[in-house]
Amino acid sequence: MIKLVKVLFGVLQGAIIGLGAVLPGISGGVLSVVFGIYKPAMEFLSDPVRRFKTHMPKLFPYFLGYVIGFMGVANILAFFLERYPAPSICLFVGLIAGMFPSLWREAGLHGRKSSSFISMLTAILVIFTLLFLLKQTSAVIEPDFIWYLFCGFCLALSIIAPGMSFSTLLMPMGLYTPFVDGIGHLSFEVLIPAGIGGIITIACLSKTVNSLFDKYYSVTFHAIVGTVVAATFMTIPFESFCTSTISCLINVFFLAAGVFIAALMDKMNFS
């Protein structure tokens, strides 16, 4: 019974990661880090044949949930994001904030050095700068096969590089809506090039990330912590807190709800 509950919980967390991947401003990679599956996922993707027996039993519920969240439930929750964007984003921010103690704990498993803190601060500055510049960019592109290849690259990058939301990369270029709409309607004109771009990106970059973990665990993980901090901060809808007292209280409620849910998930992971 306990094993079944853990499997269902893994599916739920995978669905949340899938939702985070597709919803604007949220990074599925960040959520995979805070839920503790980023490193095993990178290990599996770097060598899926050799690690299938050791990693797939644990990761399968998350992969299943990811597909459900990305392809199915996301269409429903996208409605809430469109109608109630600030509370929806605050809920995800609360989830990330609530899992941060677990993330910090995992980053320090092999100790902390001065280089660890330097890598974290560097990541914060780089991600802050990158996301700020992307928000200032405004260009519209007519999507075609090549651009959908690029969309697949961005989607895979948002998984491999925590903090990189593919919506943040695609929205300024006008590619987000046709890309997500094409996936939601199972359009092969979108799925085929995006799949090719995603597979190539994962095959090339996952090995690099896994190698960094093996050789420079503390420095690499603290860089990811810095990425999570910067990306989460840039996601917070600060302006919505100032529109009215009611909207501010609603946002605070959903932030607290996210933290509470994350604390329950963290407790479940350790039980």
Protein backbone atom coordinates (compact mmCIF):
# COMPACT_ATOMS: atom_id res chain seq x y z
CA MET A 1 0.00 0.00 0.00
CA ILE A 2 2.80 2.40 0.95
CA LYS A 3 4.61 1.54 -2.29
CA LEU A 4 1.46 2.30 -4.31
CA VAL A 5 1.06 5.65 -2.55
CA LYS A 6 4.68 6.54 -3.38
CA VAL A 7 4.13 5.60 -7.03
CA LEU A 8 0.99 7.77 -7.19
CA PHE A 9 2.88 10.57 -5.48
CA GLY A 10 5.61 10.26 -8.10
CA VAL A 11 2.99 10.53 -10.85
CA LEU A 12 1.58 13.64 -9.13
CA GLN A 13 4.99 15.27 -8.87
CA GLY A 14 5.73 14.37 -12.49
CA ALA A 15 2.43 15.99 -13.52
CA ILE A 16 3.42 19.15 -11.64
CA ILE A 17 6.77 19.15 -13.46
CA GLY A 18 4.93 18.73 -16.77
CA LEU A 19 2.66 21.62 -15.89
CA GLY A 20 5.65 23.73 -14.92
CA ALA A 21 7.23 22.93 -18.28
CA VAL A 22 4.28 24.16 -20.33
CA LEU A 23 2.98 27.08 -18.24
CA PRO A 24 4.50 30.50 -19.03
CA GLY A 25 7.27 31.66 -16.73
CA ILE A 26 7.68 28.33 -14.91
CA SER A 27 10.63 25.96 -15.36
CA GLY A 28 10.04 22.22 -15.37
CA GLY A 29 13.77 21.80 -14.75
CA VAL A 30 13.55 23.81 -11.53
CA LEU A 31 10.65 21.66 -10.31
CA SER A 32 12.53 18.44 -11.15
CA VAL A 33 15.43 19.73 -9.03
CA VAL A 34 13.29 20.63 -6.03
CA PHE A 35 11.47 17.28 -6.23
CA GLY A 36 14.82 15.48 -6.14
CA ILE A 37 14.75 13.71 -9.51
CA TYR A 38 16.94 16.01 -11.62
CA LYS A 39 20.22 14.18 -11.02
CA PRO A 40 18.85 10.61 -11.54
CA ALA A 41 17.00 11.84 -14.65
CA MET A 42 20.22 13.27 -16.09
CA GLU A 43 22.05 10.03 -15.25
CA PHE A 44 19.39 8.03 -17.09
CA LEU A 45 19.23 10.33 -20.12
CA SER A 46 23.02 10.33 -20.47
CA ASP A 47 23.08 6.53 -20.89
CA PRO A 48 19.51 5.13 -21.07
CA VAL A 49 20.51 1.63 -22.21
CA ARG A 50 23.00 0.93 -19.42
CA ARG A 51 20.95 2.63 -16.68
CA PHE A 52 17.51 1.37 -17.70
CA LYS A 53 17.22 -1.35 -15.02
CA THR A 54 18.65 0.77 -12.20
CA HIS A 55 16.88 4.08 -12.90
CA MET A 56 13.67 3.39 -14.83
CA PRO A 57 11.70 1.80 -11.94
CA LYS A 58 12.10 5.00 -9.90
CA LEU A 59 11.73 7.46 -12.78
CA PHE A 60 8.80 5.84 -14.64
CA PRO A 61 6.05 7.35 -12.41
CA TYR A 62 7.60 10.80 -12.91
CA PHE A 63 7.86 10.34 -16.69
CA LEU A 64 4.25 9.16 -16.82
CA GLY A 65 3.11 12.11 -14.72
CA TYR A 66 5.14 14.49 -16.88
CA VAL A 67 3.31 13.34 -20.01
CA ILE A 68 -0.06 13.62 -18.25
CA GLY A 69 0.75 17.09 -16.95
CA PHE A 70 2.21 18.36 -20.20
CA MET A 71 -0.29 16.89 -22.65
CA GLY A 72 -3.49 16.65 -20.66
CA VAL A 73 -3.99 18.53 -17.43
CA ALA A 74 -2.00 21.51 -18.68
CA ASN A 75 -4.84 22.39 -21.05
CA ILE A 76 -7.18 22.65 -18.07
CA LEU A 77 -4.84 24.56 -15.80
CA ALA A 78 -3.80 26.83 -18.66
CA PHE A 79 -7.35 28.16 -18.40
CA PHE A 80 -6.71 29.17 -14.78
CA LEU A 81 -3.36 30.69 -15.73
CA GLU A 82 -5.09 32.80 -18.38
CA ARG A 83 -7.98 33.80 -16.10
CA TYR A 84 -6.02 34.03 -12.82
CA PRO A 85 -2.35 34.37 -13.82
CA ALA A 86 -0.93 35.88 -10.63
CA PRO A 87 -2.41 33.35 -8.12
CA SER A 88 -1.45 30.44 -10.41
CA ILE A 89 2.15 31.61 -10.66
CA CYS A 90 2.27 32.32 -6.91
CA LEU A 91 1.23 28.73 -6.25
CA PHE A 92 4.18 27.45 -8.29
CA VAL A 93 6.54 29.94 -6.66
CA GLY A 94 5.35 28.67 -3.27
CA LEU A 95 6.01 25.08 -4.36
CA ILE A 96 9.57 25.96 -5.32
CA ALA A 97 10.19 28.02 -2.17
CA GLY A 98 8.82 25.25 0.04
CA MET A 99 11.20 22.69 -1.45
CA PHE A 100 14.23 24.97 -1.22
CA PRO A 101 15.44 23.57 2.17
CA SER A 102 15.52 20.10 0.59
CA LEU A 103 17.39 21.47 -2.42
CA TRP A 104 19.95 23.24 -0.21
CA ARG A 105 20.40 20.05 1.81
CA GLU A 106 21.10 18.01 -1.32
CA ALA A 107 23.53 20.61 -2.66
CA GLY A 108 25.64 20.25 0.49
CA LEU A 109 25.81 16.45 0.55
CA HIS A 110 29.49 16.52 -0.42
CA GLY A 111 30.32 19.64 1.57
CA ARG A 112 30.53 23.31 0.58
CA LYS A 113 33.64 25.17 -0.52
CA SER A 114 34.27 28.79 -1.47
CA SER A 115 34.03 27.70 -5.11
CA SER A 116 30.51 26.41 -4.39
CA PHE A 117 29.31 29.83 -3.26
CA ILE A 118 31.11 31.55 -6.13
CA SER A 119 29.36 29.28 -8.66
CA MET A 120 25.99 29.98 -6.97
CA LEU A 121 26.44 33.77 -7.07
CA THR A 122 27.69 33.61 -10.66
CA ALA A 123 24.65 31.60 -11.70
CA ILE A 124 22.34 34.11 -10.00
CA LEU A 125 23.91 37.02 -11.88
CA VAL A 126 23.96 35.22 -15.24
CA ILE A 127 20.33 34.04 -15.03
CA PHE A 128 19.13 37.43 -13.78
CA THR A 129 20.83 39.11 -16.73
CA LEU A 130 19.67 36.56 -19.31
CA LEU A 131 16.02 36.57 -18.21
CA PHE A 132 15.97 40.36 -17.99
CA LEU A 133 17.31 40.69 -21.54
CA LEU A 134 14.82 38.11 -22.83
CA LYS A 135 11.97 40.12 -21.30
CA GLN A 136 13.15 43.20 -23.17
CA THR A 137 13.27 41.38 -26.51
CA SER A 138 10.30 41.64 -28.83
CA ALA A 139 10.25 39.86 -32.20
CA VAL A 140 7.68 37.85 -34.14
CA ILE A 141 8.69 34.88 -36.31
CA GLU A 142 6.62 32.80 -38.74
CA PRO A 143 6.99 29.20 -37.47
CA ASP A 144 8.19 26.48 -39.84
CA PHE A 145 10.11 23.17 -39.64
CA ILE A 146 13.40 24.83 -38.64
CA TRP A 147 11.78 27.00 -35.99
CA TYR A 148 9.93 24.02 -34.52
CA LEU A 149 13.32 22.27 -34.31
CA PHE A 150 14.41 25.30 -32.29
CA CYS A 151 11.28 24.95 -30.11
CA GLY A 152 12.21 21.34 -29.36
CA PHE A 153 15.71 22.51 -28.43
CA CYS A 154 14.24 25.10 -26.04
CA LEU A 155 11.89 22.55 -24.46
CA ALA A 156 14.74 20.10 -23.84
CA LEU A 157 16.96 22.92 -22.57
CA SER A 158 14.29 23.89 -20.02
CA ILE A 159 14.52 20.34 -18.64
CA ILE A 160 18.31 20.05 -18.69
CA ALA A 161 19.05 23.62 -17.55
CA PRO A 162 16.92 24.42 -14.45
CA GLY A 163 15.56 27.95 -14.53
CA MET A 164 15.29 28.08 -18.30
CA SER A 165 11.56 28.19 -19.03
CA PHE A 166 11.01 27.46 -22.71
CA SER A 167 8.04 29.84 -22.63
CA THR A 168 10.43 32.62 -21.62
CA LEU A 169 12.55 31.83 -24.65
CA LEU A 170 9.70 31.37 -27.15
CA MET A 171 7.15 34.01 -26.12
CA PRO A 172 9.24 37.05 -27.19
CA MET A 173 9.52 35.50 -30.66
CA GLY A 174 5.82 34.63 -30.99
CA LEU A 175 6.54 30.88 -31.11
CA TYR A 176 5.07 29.79 -27.76
CA THR A 177 1.37 29.76 -28.71
CA PRO A 178 1.67 27.89 -32.05
CA PHE A 179 4.11 25.42 -30.49
CA VAL A 180 1.94 24.55 -27.48
CA ASP A 181 -1.22 24.58 -29.60
CA GLY A 182 0.40 22.17 -32.05
CA ILE A 183 1.41 19.80 -29.25
CA GLY A 184 -2.05 19.99 -27.68
CA HIS A 185 -3.65 19.05 -31.01
CA LEU A 186 -1.01 16.36 -31.76
CA SER A 187 0.05 18.09 -34.97
CA PHE A 188 2.84 16.11 -36.65
CA GLU A 189 4.04 19.32 -38.32
CA VAL A 190 5.01 20.42 -34.82
CA LEU A 191 5.70 17.11 -33.04
CA ILE A 192 8.20 15.70 -35.57
CA PRO A 193 10.64 18.64 -35.76
CA ALA A 194 10.23 19.42 -32.05
CA GLY A 195 10.89 15.78 -31.19
CA ILE A 196 14.03 15.73 -33.34
CA GLY A 197 15.31 18.96 -31.78
CA GLY A 198 14.55 17.75 -28.27
CA ILE A 199 16.19 14.34 -28.69
CA ILE A 200 19.36 15.82 -30.18
CA THR A 201 19.59 18.37 -27.36
CA ILE A 202 19.07 15.80 -24.61
CA ALA A 203 21.55 13.36 -26.19
CA CYS A 204 24.24 16.04 -26.42
CA LEU A 205 23.77 17.95 -23.17
CA SER A 206 22.66 15.30 -20.64
CA LYS A 207 26.06 13.57 -20.82
CA THR A 208 27.78 16.88 -20.14
CA VAL A 209 25.57 17.63 -17.14
CA ASN A 210 26.05 14.13 -15.71
CA SER A 211 29.82 14.43 -16.13
CA LEU A 212 29.80 17.74 -14.24
CA PHE A 213 27.93 16.11 -11.37
CA ASP A 214 30.44 13.27 -11.21
CA LYS A 215 33.50 15.53 -11.23
CA TYR A 216 32.30 18.76 -9.60
CA TYR A 217 29.19 17.86 -7.59
CA SER A 218 29.20 20.75 -5.12
CA VAL A 219 30.09 23.46 -7.63
CA THR A 220 27.56 22.18 -10.17
CA PHE A 221 24.71 21.76 -7.68
CA HIS A 222 25.27 25.18 -6.11
CA ALA A 223 25.19 26.70 -9.59
CA ILE A 224 21.80 25.03 -10.03
CA VAL A 225 20.68 26.44 -6.66
CA GLY A 226 21.66 29.92 -7.89
CA THR A 227 19.75 29.31 -11.11
CA VAL A 228 16.63 28.27 -9.17
CA VAL A 229 16.83 31.35 -6.93
CA ALA A 230 17.19 33.78 -9.84
CA ALA A 231 14.58 32.12 -12.07
CA THR A 232 12.05 31.91 -9.25
CA PHE A 233 12.57 35.53 -8.24
CA MET A 234 12.05 36.66 -11.85
CA THR A 235 8.83 34.64 -11.97
CA ILE A 236 7.14 36.41 -9.03
CA PRO A 237 4.37 38.75 -10.31
CA PHE A 238 5.36 41.68 -8.07
CA GLU A 239 3.06 44.16 -9.81
CA SER A 240 -0.02 42.09 -8.95
CA PHE A 241 0.67 42.54 -5.23
CA CYS A 242 0.18 46.28 -5.61
CA THR A 243 -3.08 46.37 -7.58
CA SER A 244 -5.33 45.97 -4.51
CA THR A 245 -5.42 44.60 -0.98
CA ILE A 246 -7.61 41.67 -2.06
CA SER A 247 -5.26 40.62 -4.89
CA CYS A 248 -2.31 40.89 -2.51
CA LEU A 249 -4.01 38.66 0.08
CA ILE A 250 -5.00 36.13 -2.60
CA ASN A 251 -1.41 35.96 -3.87
CA VAL A 252 -0.08 35.53 -0.33
CA PHE A 253 -2.62 32.73 0.27
CA PHE A 254 -1.50 30.83 -2.83
CA LEU A 255 2.16 31.36 -1.97
CA ALA A 256 1.50 29.88 1.47
CA ALA A 257 -0.52 27.04 -0.06
CA GLY A 258 2.38 26.21 -2.38
CA VAL A 259 4.84 26.17 0.53
CA PHE A 260 2.49 23.93 2.55
CA ILE A 261 2.02 21.46 -0.33
CA ALA A 262 5.77 21.39 -0.96
CA ALA A 263 6.42 20.64 2.73
CA LEU A 264 4.03 17.68 2.52
CA MET A 265 5.79 16.43 -0.62
CA ASP A 266 9.19 16.80 1.03
CA LYS A 267 7.98 14.85 4.05
CA MET A 268 6.62 12.13 1.74
CA ASN A 269 9.96 11.88 -0.07
CA PHE A 270 11.77 11.24 3.22
CA SER A 271 9.23 8.76 4.60
